[in-house]
Amino acid sequence: MNGLPNAFEIGEIKIRDQFSFDMPAIPSENDWHNLVSEFLFNSENFANYVEQMNNEKLDGTFFTEKYGTYLLNIEGVIEHSYYHLGQVSLIKKLITEK
């Protein structure tokens, strides 16, 4: 979730699909807690950026025309997050039913 706030700060998109699965192992509970903390921090940072955007910015071009508007991309991130939340819910259900 750090990709978009970083893009908002530097004015350039550095995230790429090819890096989507570059995730280090999480060998300890402490590593898990650190990952969760980082995720929550980045999520709040993203929400703060969105909260500060006015309608003109939201309707503006998201870096280049091919990406559409800021609003379209923000809504896409939210919808994609719901998709992953659903996946987590299904996995948790499978684990707890066994």
PDB file of N, CA and C in Angstrom:
ATOM      1  N   MET A   1       0.823  -1.193   0.000  1.00  0.00           N
ATOM      2  CA  MET A   1       0.000   0.000   0.000  1.00  0.00           C
ATOM      3  C   MET A   1       0.867   1.257   0.000  1.00  0.00           C
ATOM      4  N   ASN A   2       2.152   1.083   0.052  1.00  0.00           N
ATOM      5  CA  ASN A   2       3.033   2.235   0.060  1.00  0.00           C
ATOM      6  C   ASN A   2       3.246   2.806  -1.329  1.00  0.00           C
ATOM      7  N   GLY A   3       2.930   2.049  -2.364  1.00  0.00           N
ATOM      8  CA  GLY A   3       3.210   2.476  -3.733  1.00  0.00           C
ATOM      9  C   GLY A   3       2.529   3.768  -4.123  1.00  0.00           C
ATOM     10  N   LEU A   4       1.240   3.904  -3.816  1.00  0.00           N
ATOM     11  CA  LEU A   4       0.538   5.122  -4.214  1.00  0.00           C
ATOM     12  C   LEU A   4       0.934   6.337  -3.391  1.00  0.00           C
ATOM     13  N   PRO A   5       1.008   6.248  -2.050  1.00  0.00           N
ATOM     14  CA  PRO A   5       1.491   7.430  -1.325  1.00  0.00           C
ATOM     15  C   PRO A   5       2.883   7.865  -1.802  1.00  0.00           C
ATOM     16  N   ASN A   6       3.736   6.896  -2.111  1.00  0.00           N
ATOM     17  CA  ASN A   6       5.051   7.232  -2.636  1.00  0.00           C
ATOM     18  C   ASN A   6       4.920   7.950  -3.979  1.00  0.00           C
ATOM     19  N   ALA A   7       4.029   7.474  -4.828  1.00  0.00           N
ATOM     20  CA  ALA A   7       3.794   8.119  -6.123  1.00  0.00           C
ATOM     21  C   ALA A   7       3.248   9.534  -5.925  1.00  0.00           C
ATOM     22  N   PHE A   8       2.347   9.709  -4.967  1.00  0.00           N
ATOM     23  CA  PHE A   8       1.804  11.037  -4.689  1.00  0.00           C
ATOM     24  C   PHE A   8       2.926  11.991  -4.271  1.00  0.00           C
ATOM     25  N   GLU A   9       3.875  11.495  -3.499  1.00  0.00           N
ATOM     26  CA  GLU A   9       4.976  12.328  -3.000  1.00  0.00           C
ATOM     27  C   GLU A   9       5.963  12.707  -4.089  1.00  0.00           C
ATOM     28  N   ILE A  10       6.367  11.722  -4.903  1.00  0.00           N
ATOM     29  CA  ILE A  10       7.433  11.982  -5.879  1.00  0.00           C
ATOM     30  C   ILE A  10       6.903  12.332  -7.268  1.00  0.00           C
ATOM     31  N   GLY A  11       5.592  12.162  -7.491  1.00  0.00           N
ATOM     32  CA  GLY A  11       5.017  12.505  -8.779  1.00  0.00           C
ATOM     33  C   GLY A  11       5.316  11.510  -9.884  1.00  0.00           C
ATOM     34  N   GLU A  12       5.622  10.284  -9.501  1.00  0.00           N
ATOM     35  CA  GLU A  12       5.954   9.247 -10.480  1.00  0.00           C
ATOM     36  C   GLU A  12       5.559   7.885  -9.918  1.00  0.00           C
ATOM     37  N   ILE A  13       5.009   7.031 -10.771  1.00  0.00           N
ATOM     38  CA  ILE A  13       4.635   5.687 -10.349  1.00  0.00           C
ATOM     39  C   ILE A  13       5.840   4.764 -10.503  1.00  0.00           C
ATOM     40  N   LYS A  14       6.307   4.216  -9.385  1.00  0.00           N
ATOM     41  CA  LYS A  14       7.445   3.299  -9.399  1.00  0.00           C
ATOM     42  C   LYS A  14       7.022   1.848  -9.202  1.00  0.00           C
ATOM     43  N   ILE A  15       5.772   1.618  -8.804  1.00  0.00           N
ATOM     44  CA  ILE A  15       5.306   0.254  -8.577  1.00  0.00           C
ATOM     45  C   ILE A  15       5.004  -0.403  -9.919  1.00  0.00           C
ATOM     46  N   ARG A  16       5.260  -1.684 -10.004  1.00  0.00           N
ATOM     47  CA  ARG A  16       5.032  -2.445 -11.231  1.00  0.00           C
ATOM     48  C   ARG A  16       4.461  -3.813 -10.881  1.00  0.00           C
ATOM     49  N   ASP A  17       3.652  -4.349 -11.764  1.00  0.00           N
ATOM     50  CA  ASP A  17       3.071  -5.676 -11.541  1.00  0.00           C
ATOM     51  C   ASP A  17       4.139  -6.734 -11.317  1.00  0.00           C
ATOM     52  N   GLN A  18       5.283  -6.593 -11.967  1.00  0.00           N
ATOM     53  CA  GLN A  18       6.338  -7.602 -11.846  1.00  0.00           C
ATOM     54  C   GLN A  18       6.858  -7.731 -10.416  1.00  0.00           C
ATOM     55  N   PHE A  19       6.616  -6.714  -9.584  1.00  0.00           N
ATOM     56  CA  PHE A  19       7.084  -6.754  -8.202  1.00  0.00           C
ATOM     57  C   PHE A  19       5.988  -7.212  -7.232  1.00  0.00           C
ATOM     58  N   SER A  20       4.836  -7.597  -7.751  1.00  0.00           N
ATOM     59  CA  SER A  20       3.685  -7.927  -6.910  1.00  0.00           C
ATOM     60  C   SER A  20       3.939  -9.072  -5.942  1.00  0.00           C
ATOM     61  N   PHE A  21       4.812  -9.986  -6.292  1.00  0.00           N
ATOM     62  CA  PHE A  21       5.034 -11.160  -5.448  1.00  0.00           C
ATOM     63  C   PHE A  21       6.396 -11.135  -4.758  1.00  0.00           C
ATOM     64  N   ASP A  22       7.039  -9.981  -4.741  1.00  0.00           N
ATOM     65  CA  ASP A  22       8.322  -9.833  -4.060  1.00  0.00           C
ATOM     66  C   ASP A  22       8.075  -9.602  -2.571  1.00  0.00           C
ATOM     67  N   MET A  23       7.825 -10.672  -1.874  1.00  0.00           N
ATOM     68  CA  MET A  23       7.516 -10.593  -0.453  1.00  0.00           C
ATOM     69  C   MET A  23       8.481 -11.486   0.305  1.00  0.00           C
ATOM     70  N   PRO A  24       9.222 -10.910   1.243  1.00  0.00           N
ATOM     71  CA  PRO A  24      10.124 -11.747   2.022  1.00  0.00           C
ATOM     72  C   PRO A  24       9.353 -12.701   2.935  1.00  0.00           C
ATOM     73  N   ALA A  25      10.007 -13.759   3.341  1.00  0.00           N
ATOM     74  CA  ALA A  25       9.404 -14.711   4.277  1.00  0.00           C
ATOM     75  C   ALA A  25       9.099 -14.003   5.599  1.00  0.00           C
ATOM     76  N   ILE A  26       8.121 -14.538   6.313  1.00  0.00           N
ATOM     77  CA  ILE A  26       7.745 -14.008   7.620  1.00  0.00           C
ATOM     78  C   ILE A  26       7.986 -15.132   8.625  1.00  0.00           C
ATOM     79  N   PRO A  27       9.229 -15.289   9.067  1.00  0.00           N
ATOM     80  CA  PRO A  27       9.571 -16.445   9.888  1.00  0.00           C
ATOM     81  C   PRO A  27       9.186 -16.361  11.366  1.00  0.00           C
ATOM     82  N   SER A  28       8.842 -15.161  11.830  1.00  0.00           N
ATOM     83  CA  SER A  28       8.549 -15.048  13.262  1.00  0.00           C
ATOM     84  C   SER A  28       7.294 -14.220  13.499  1.00  0.00           C
ATOM     85  N   GLU A  29       6.770 -14.362  14.695  1.00  0.00           N
ATOM     86  CA  GLU A  29       5.598 -13.577  15.076  1.00  0.00           C
ATOM     87  C   GLU A  29       5.932 -12.087  15.080  1.00  0.00           C
ATOM     88  N   ASN A  30       7.148 -11.759  15.486  1.00  0.00           N
ATOM     89  CA  ASN A  30       7.583 -10.366  15.483  1.00  0.00           C
ATOM     90  C   ASN A  30       7.596  -9.800  14.060  1.00  0.00           C
ATOM     91  N   ASP A  31       8.072 -10.589  13.103  1.00  0.00           N
ATOM     92  CA  ASP A  31       8.053 -10.159  11.703  1.00  0.00           C
ATOM     93  C   ASP A  31       6.625  -9.923  11.229  1.00  0.00           C
ATOM     94  N   TRP A  32       5.704 -10.790  11.652  1.00  0.00           N
ATOM     95  CA  TRP A  32       4.298 -10.634  11.293  1.00  0.00           C
ATOM     96  C   TRP A  32       3.746  -9.327  11.853  1.00  0.00           C
ATOM     97  N   HIS A  33       4.025  -9.045  13.118  1.00  0.00           N
ATOM     98  CA  HIS A  33       3.537  -7.817  13.742  1.00  0.00           C
ATOM     99  C   HIS A  33       4.123  -6.589  13.058  1.00  0.00           C
ATOM    100  N   ASN A  34       5.385  -6.670  12.665  1.00  0.00           N
ATOM    101  CA  ASN A  34       6.006  -5.560  11.934  1.00  0.00           C
ATOM    102  C   ASN A  34       5.327  -5.334  10.586  1.00  0.00           C
ATOM    103  N   LEU A  35       5.010  -6.423   9.891  1.00  0.00           N
ATOM    104  CA  LEU A  35       4.322  -6.314   8.607  1.00  0.00           C
ATOM    105  C   LEU A  35       2.943  -5.681   8.777  1.00  0.00           C
ATOM    106  N   VAL A  36       2.208  -6.119   9.780  1.00  0.00           N
ATOM    107  CA  VAL A  36       0.881  -5.559  10.044  1.00  0.00           C
ATOM    108  C   VAL A  36       0.994  -4.067  10.388  1.00  0.00           C
ATOM    109  N   SER A  37       1.959  -3.719  11.219  1.00  0.00           N
ATOM    110  CA  SER A  37       2.152  -2.309  11.596  1.00  0.00           C
ATOM    111  C   SER A  37       2.481  -1.453  10.381  1.00  0.00           C
ATOM    112  N   GLU A  38       3.349  -1.956   9.522  1.00  0.00           N
ATOM    113  CA  GLU A  38       3.716  -1.226   8.307  1.00  0.00           C
ATOM    114  C   GLU A  38       2.507  -1.068   7.386  1.00  0.00           C
ATOM    115  N   PHE A  39       1.726  -2.136   7.248  1.00  0.00           N
ATOM    116  CA  PHE A  39       0.525  -2.082   6.420  1.00  0.00           C
ATOM    117  C   PHE A  39      -0.459  -1.035   6.942  1.00  0.00           C
ATOM    118  N   LEU A  40      -0.690  -1.040   8.249  1.00  0.00           N
ATOM    119  CA  LEU A  40      -1.633  -0.084   8.843  1.00  0.00           C
ATOM    120  C   LEU A  40      -1.132   1.353   8.692  1.00  0.00           C
ATOM    121  N   PHE A  41       0.162   1.552   8.873  1.00  0.00           N
ATOM    122  CA  PHE A  41       0.754   2.883   8.694  1.00  0.00           C
ATOM    123  C   PHE A  41       0.568   3.358   7.251  1.00  0.00           C
ATOM    124  N   ASN A  42       0.899   2.486   6.295  1.00  0.00           N
ATOM    125  CA  ASN A  42       0.774   2.847   4.878  1.00  0.00           C
ATOM    126  C   ASN A  42      -0.678   3.084   4.482  1.00  0.00           C
ATOM    127  N   SER A  43      -1.589   2.308   5.047  1.00  0.00           N
ATOM    128  CA  SER A  43      -3.018   2.484   4.755  1.00  0.00           C
ATOM    129  C   SER A  43      -3.504   3.839   5.256  1.00  0.00           C
ATOM    130  N   GLU A  44      -3.101   4.199   6.455  1.00  0.00           N
ATOM    131  CA  GLU A  44      -3.501   5.488   7.009  1.00  0.00           C
ATOM    132  C   GLU A  44      -2.885   6.632   6.206  1.00  0.00           C
ATOM    133  N   ASN A  45      -1.639   6.459   5.785  1.00  0.00           N
ATOM    134  CA  ASN A  45      -0.965   7.455   4.968  1.00  0.00           C
ATOM    135  C   ASN A  45      -1.721   7.654   3.654  1.00  0.00           C
ATOM    136  N   PHE A  46      -2.126   6.562   3.022  1.00  0.00           N
ATOM    137  CA  PHE A  46      -2.913   6.620   1.788  1.00  0.00           C
ATOM    138  C   PHE A  46      -4.226   7.359   2.027  1.00  0.00           C
ATOM    139  N   ALA A  47      -4.936   6.999   3.093  1.00  0.00           N
ATOM    140  CA  ALA A  47      -6.220   7.644   3.412  1.00  0.00           C
ATOM    141  C   ALA A  47      -6.036   9.138   3.647  1.00  0.00           C
ATOM    142  N   ASN A  48      -4.944   9.527   4.298  1.00  0.00           N
ATOM    143  CA  ASN A  48      -4.678  10.949   4.536  1.00  0.00           C
ATOM    144  C   ASN A  48      -4.465  11.705   3.227  1.00  0.00           C
ATOM    145  N   TYR A  49      -3.739  11.110   2.293  1.00  0.00           N
ATOM    146  CA  TYR A  49      -3.549  11.740   0.992  1.00  0.00           C
ATOM    147  C   TYR A  49      -4.891  11.942   0.290  1.00  0.00           C
ATOM    148  N   VAL A  50      -5.711  10.900   0.292  1.00  0.00           N
ATOM    149  CA  VAL A  50      -7.006  10.967  -0.382  1.00  0.00           C
ATOM    150  C   VAL A  50      -7.893  12.025   0.277  1.00  0.00           C
ATOM    151  N   GLU A  51      -7.885  12.060   1.586  1.00  0.00           N
ATOM    152  CA  GLU A  51      -8.717  13.007   2.329  1.00  0.00           C
ATOM    153  C   GLU A  51      -8.382  14.456   1.969  1.00  0.00           C
ATOM    154  N   GLN A  52      -7.131  14.730   1.668  1.00  0.00           N
ATOM    155  CA  GLN A  52      -6.692  16.090   1.373  1.00  0.00           C
ATOM    156  C   GLN A  52      -6.920  16.503  -0.081  1.00  0.00           C
ATOM    157  N   MET A  53      -7.309  15.563  -0.940  1.00  0.00           N
ATOM    158  CA  MET A  53      -7.517  15.884  -2.352  1.00  0.00           C
ATOM    159  C   MET A  53      -8.860  16.573  -2.554  1.00  0.00           C
ATOM    160  N   ASN A  54      -8.831  17.637  -3.342  1.00  0.00           N
ATOM    161  CA  ASN A  54     -10.087  18.303  -3.685  1.00  0.00           C
ATOM    162  C   ASN A  54     -10.672  17.652  -4.940  1.00  0.00           C
ATOM    163  N   ASN A  55     -11.884  18.047  -5.304  1.00  0.00           N
ATOM    164  CA  ASN A  55     -12.566  17.441  -6.448  1.00  0.00           C
ATOM    165  C   ASN A  55     -11.795  17.632  -7.748  1.00  0.00           C
ATOM    166  N   GLU A  56     -11.158  18.769  -7.897  1.00  0.00           N
ATOM    167  CA  GLU A  56     -10.375  19.024  -9.115  1.00  0.00           C
ATOM    168  C   GLU A  56      -9.243  18.011  -9.241  1.00  0.00           C
ATOM    169  N   LYS A  57      -8.566  17.749  -8.140  1.00  0.00           N
ATOM    170  CA  LYS A  57      -7.471  16.766  -8.147  1.00  0.00           C
ATOM    171  C   LYS A  57      -8.023  15.367  -8.417  1.00  0.00           C
ATOM    172  N   LEU A  58      -9.120  15.017  -7.745  1.00  0.00           N
ATOM    173  CA  LEU A  58      -9.706  13.685  -7.927  1.00  0.00           C
ATOM    174  C   LEU A  58     -10.127  13.439  -9.373  1.00  0.00           C
ATOM    175  N   ASP A  59     -10.597  14.472 -10.041  1.00  0.00           N
ATOM    176  CA  ASP A  59     -11.020  14.341 -11.437  1.00  0.00           C
ATOM    177  C   ASP A  59      -9.865  14.512 -12.417  1.00  0.00           C
ATOM    178  N   GLY A  60      -8.696  14.858 -11.898  1.00  0.00           N
ATOM    179  CA  GLY A  60      -7.536  15.087 -12.753  1.00  0.00           C
ATOM    180  C   GLY A  60      -6.874  13.797 -13.214  1.00  0.00           C
ATOM    181  N   THR A  61      -6.016  13.936 -14.199  1.00  0.00           N
ATOM    182  CA  THR A  61      -5.294  12.801 -14.771  1.00  0.00           C
ATOM    183  C   THR A  61      -4.327  12.211 -13.762  1.00  0.00           C
ATOM    184  N   PHE A  62      -4.388  10.918 -13.621  1.00  0.00           N
ATOM    185  CA  PHE A  62      -3.502  10.180 -12.715  1.00  0.00           C
ATOM    186  C   PHE A  62      -2.179   9.920 -13.442  1.00  0.00           C
ATOM    187  N   PHE A  63      -1.282  10.873 -13.387  1.00  0.00           N
ATOM    188  CA  PHE A  63       0.061  10.849 -13.971  1.00  0.00           C
ATOM    189  C   PHE A  63       0.058  10.861 -15.495  1.00  0.00           C
ATOM    190  N   THR A  64      -0.583   9.914 -16.156  1.00  0.00           N
ATOM    191  CA  THR A  64      -0.706   9.939 -17.617  1.00  0.00           C
ATOM    192  C   THR A  64      -2.124   9.528 -17.990  1.00  0.00           C
ATOM    193  N   GLU A  65      -2.548   9.918 -19.173  1.00  0.00           N
ATOM    194  CA  GLU A  65      -3.913   9.645 -19.631  1.00  0.00           C
ATOM    195  C   GLU A  65      -4.281   8.166 -19.567  1.00  0.00           C
ATOM    196  N   LYS A  66      -3.316   7.291 -19.837  1.00  0.00           N
ATOM    197  CA  LYS A  66      -3.643   5.858 -19.886  1.00  0.00           C
ATOM    198  C   LYS A  66      -4.120   5.311 -18.553  1.00  0.00           C
ATOM    199  N   TYR A  67      -3.811   5.980 -17.449  1.00  0.00           N
ATOM    200  CA  TYR A  67      -4.244   5.516 -16.127  1.00  0.00           C
ATOM    201  C   TYR A  67      -5.594   6.087 -15.698  1.00  0.00           C
ATOM    202  N   GLY A  68      -6.153   7.017 -16.442  1.00  0.00           N
ATOM    203  CA  GLY A  68      -7.430   7.608 -16.065  1.00  0.00           C
ATOM    204  C   GLY A  68      -7.262   8.678 -14.998  1.00  0.00           C
ATOM    205  N   THR A  69      -8.263   8.797 -14.135  1.00  0.00           N
ATOM    206  CA  THR A  69      -8.253   9.853 -13.119  1.00  0.00           C
ATOM    207  C   THR A  69      -7.758   9.315 -11.766  1.00  0.00           C
ATOM    208  N   TYR A  70      -7.472  10.254 -10.885  1.00  0.00           N
ATOM    209  CA  TYR A  70      -7.106   9.868  -9.515  1.00  0.00           C
ATOM    210  C   TYR A  70      -8.252   9.092  -8.881  1.00  0.00           C
ATOM    211  N   LEU A  71      -9.491   9.600  -9.065  1.00  0.00           N
ATOM    212  CA  LEU A  71     -10.647   8.944  -8.455  1.00  0.00           C
ATOM    213  C   LEU A  71     -10.778   7.502  -8.928  1.00  0.00           C
ATOM    214  N   LEU A  72     -10.634   7.269 -10.215  1.00  0.00           N
ATOM    215  CA  LEU A  72     -10.724   5.916 -10.761  1.00  0.00           C
ATOM    216  C   LEU A  72      -9.699   4.991 -10.104  1.00  0.00           C
ATOM    217  N   ASN A  73      -8.481   5.463  -9.945  1.00  0.00           N
ATOM    218  CA  ASN A  73      -7.430   4.638  -9.357  1.00  0.00           C
ATOM    219  C   ASN A  73      -7.615   4.437  -7.869  1.00  0.00           C
ATOM    220  N   ILE A  74      -8.084   5.446  -7.172  1.00  0.00           N
ATOM    221  CA  ILE A  74      -8.350   5.312  -5.740  1.00  0.00           C
ATOM    222  C   ILE A  74      -9.477   4.306  -5.517  1.00  0.00           C
ATOM    223  N   GLU A  75     -10.537   4.420  -6.298  1.00  0.00           N
ATOM    224  CA  GLU A  75     -11.624   3.447  -6.188  1.00  0.00           C
ATOM    225  C   GLU A  75     -11.139   2.041  -6.519  1.00  0.00           C
ATOM    226  N   GLY A  76     -10.241   1.929  -7.495  1.00  0.00           N
ATOM    227  CA  GLY A  76      -9.671   0.632  -7.849  1.00  0.00           C
ATOM    228  C   GLY A  76      -8.887   0.017  -6.705  1.00  0.00           C
ATOM    229  N   VAL A  77      -8.121   0.829  -5.999  1.00  0.00           N
ATOM    230  CA  VAL A  77      -7.362   0.337  -4.842  1.00  0.00           C
ATOM    231  C   VAL A  77      -8.310  -0.155  -3.757  1.00  0.00           C
ATOM    232  N   ILE A  78      -9.371   0.595  -3.525  1.00  0.00           N
ATOM    233  CA  ILE A  78     -10.349   0.202  -2.502  1.00  0.00           C
ATOM    234  C   ILE A  78     -11.024  -1.113  -2.888  1.00  0.00           C
ATOM    235  N   GLU A  79     -11.474  -1.218  -4.132  1.00  0.00           N
ATOM    236  CA  GLU A  79     -12.119  -2.451  -4.587  1.00  0.00           C
ATOM    237  C   GLU A  79     -11.164  -3.639  -4.534  1.00  0.00           C
ATOM    238  N   HIS A  80      -9.930  -3.418  -4.911  1.00  0.00           N
ATOM    239  CA  HIS A  80      -8.932  -4.497  -4.874  1.00  0.00           C
ATOM    240  C   HIS A  80      -8.675  -4.939  -3.429  1.00  0.00           C
ATOM    241  N   SER A  81      -8.681  -3.990  -2.513  1.00  0.00           N
ATOM    242  CA  SER A  81      -8.503  -4.315  -1.099  1.00  0.00           C
ATOM    243  C   SER A  81      -9.666  -5.159  -0.582  1.00  0.00           C
ATOM    244  N   TYR A  82     -10.888  -4.837  -1.017  1.00  0.00           N
ATOM    245  CA  TYR A  82     -12.044  -5.654  -0.637  1.00  0.00           C
ATOM    246  C   TYR A  82     -11.897  -7.083  -1.162  1.00  0.00           C
ATOM    247  N   TYR A  83     -11.388  -7.211  -2.357  1.00  0.00           N
ATOM    248  CA  TYR A  83     -11.149  -8.538  -2.929  1.00  0.00           C
ATOM    249  C   TYR A  83     -10.213  -9.339  -2.016  1.00  0.00           C
ATOM    250  N   HIS A  84      -9.102  -8.718  -1.608  1.00  0.00           N
ATOM    251  CA  HIS A  84      -8.150  -9.421  -0.744  1.00  0.00           C
ATOM    252  C   HIS A  84      -8.737  -9.697   0.634  1.00  0.00           C
ATOM    253  N   LEU A  85      -9.530  -8.786   1.152  1.00  0.00           N
ATOM    254  CA  LEU A  85     -10.182  -9.024   2.438  1.00  0.00           C
ATOM    255  C   LEU A  85     -11.100 -10.237   2.340  1.00  0.00           C
ATOM    256  N   GLY A  86     -11.795 -10.374   1.232  1.00  0.00           N
ATOM    257  CA  GLY A  86     -12.634 -11.553   1.016  1.00  0.00           C
ATOM    258  C   GLY A  86     -11.814 -12.833   0.975  1.00  0.00           C
ATOM    259  N   GLN A  87     -10.667 -12.774   0.330  1.00  0.00           N
ATOM    260  CA  GLN A  87      -9.782 -13.932   0.270  1.00  0.00           C
ATOM    261  C   GLN A  87      -9.325 -14.337   1.682  1.00  0.00           C
ATOM    262  N   VAL A  88      -8.934 -13.344   2.467  1.00  0.00           N
ATOM    263  CA  VAL A  88      -8.487 -13.609   3.838  1.00  0.00           C
ATOM    264  C   VAL A  88      -9.633 -14.222   4.642  1.00  0.00           C
ATOM    265  N   SER A  89     -10.833 -13.697   4.478  1.00  0.00           N
ATOM    266  CA  SER A  89     -11.997 -14.226   5.202  1.00  0.00           C
ATOM    267  C   SER A  89     -12.263 -15.687   4.847  1.00  0.00           C
ATOM    268  N   LEU A  90     -12.154 -16.012   3.556  1.00  0.00           N
ATOM    269  CA  LEU A  90     -12.370 -17.397   3.132  1.00  0.00           C
ATOM    270  C   LEU A  90     -11.294 -18.332   3.693  1.00  0.00           C
ATOM    271  N   ILE A  91     -10.053 -17.887   3.663  1.00  0.00           N
ATOM    272  CA  ILE A  91      -8.958 -18.716   4.204  1.00  0.00           C
ATOM    273  C   ILE A  91      -9.152 -18.899   5.706  1.00  0.00           C
ATOM    274  N   LYS A  92      -9.496 -17.838   6.409  1.00  0.00           N
ATOM    275  CA  LYS A  92      -9.727 -17.953   7.859  1.00  0.00           C
ATOM    276  C   LYS A  92     -10.865 -18.925   8.144  1.00  0.00           C
ATOM    277  N   LYS A  93     -11.924 -18.864   7.351  1.00  0.00           N
ATOM    278  CA  LYS A  93     -13.050 -19.774   7.531  1.00  0.00           C
ATOM    279  C   LYS A  93     -12.623 -21.216   7.318  1.00  0.00           C
ATOM    280  N   LEU A  94     -11.826 -21.460   6.278  1.00  0.00           N
ATOM    281  CA  LEU A  94     -11.331 -22.810   6.013  1.00  0.00           C
ATOM    282  C   LEU A  94     -10.460 -23.330   7.160  1.00  0.00           C
ATOM    283  N   ILE A  95      -9.629 -22.464   7.695  1.00  0.00           N
ATOM    284  CA  ILE A  95      -8.725 -22.871   8.785  1.00  0.00           C
ATOM    285  C   ILE A  95      -9.495 -23.152  10.062  1.00  0.00           C
ATOM    286  N   THR A  96     -10.446 -22.291  10.405  1.00  0.00           N
ATOM    287  CA  THR A  96     -11.152 -22.433  11.678  1.00  0.00           C
ATOM    288  C   THR A  96     -12.172 -23.575  11.642  1.00  0.00           C
ATOM    289  N   GLU A  97     -12.613 -23.978  10.452  1.00  0.00           N
ATOM    290  CA  GLU A  97     -13.572 -25.089  10.372  1.00  0.00           C
ATOM    291  C   GLU A  97     -12.908 -26.441  10.532  1.00  0.00           C
ATOM    292  N   LYS A  98     -11.608 -26.527  10.406  1.00  0.00           N
ATOM    293  CA  LYS A  98     -10.915 -27.814  10.492  1.00  0.00           C
ATOM    294  C   LYS A  98     -10.570 -28.191  11.894  1.00  0.00           C
TER     295      LYS A  98
END
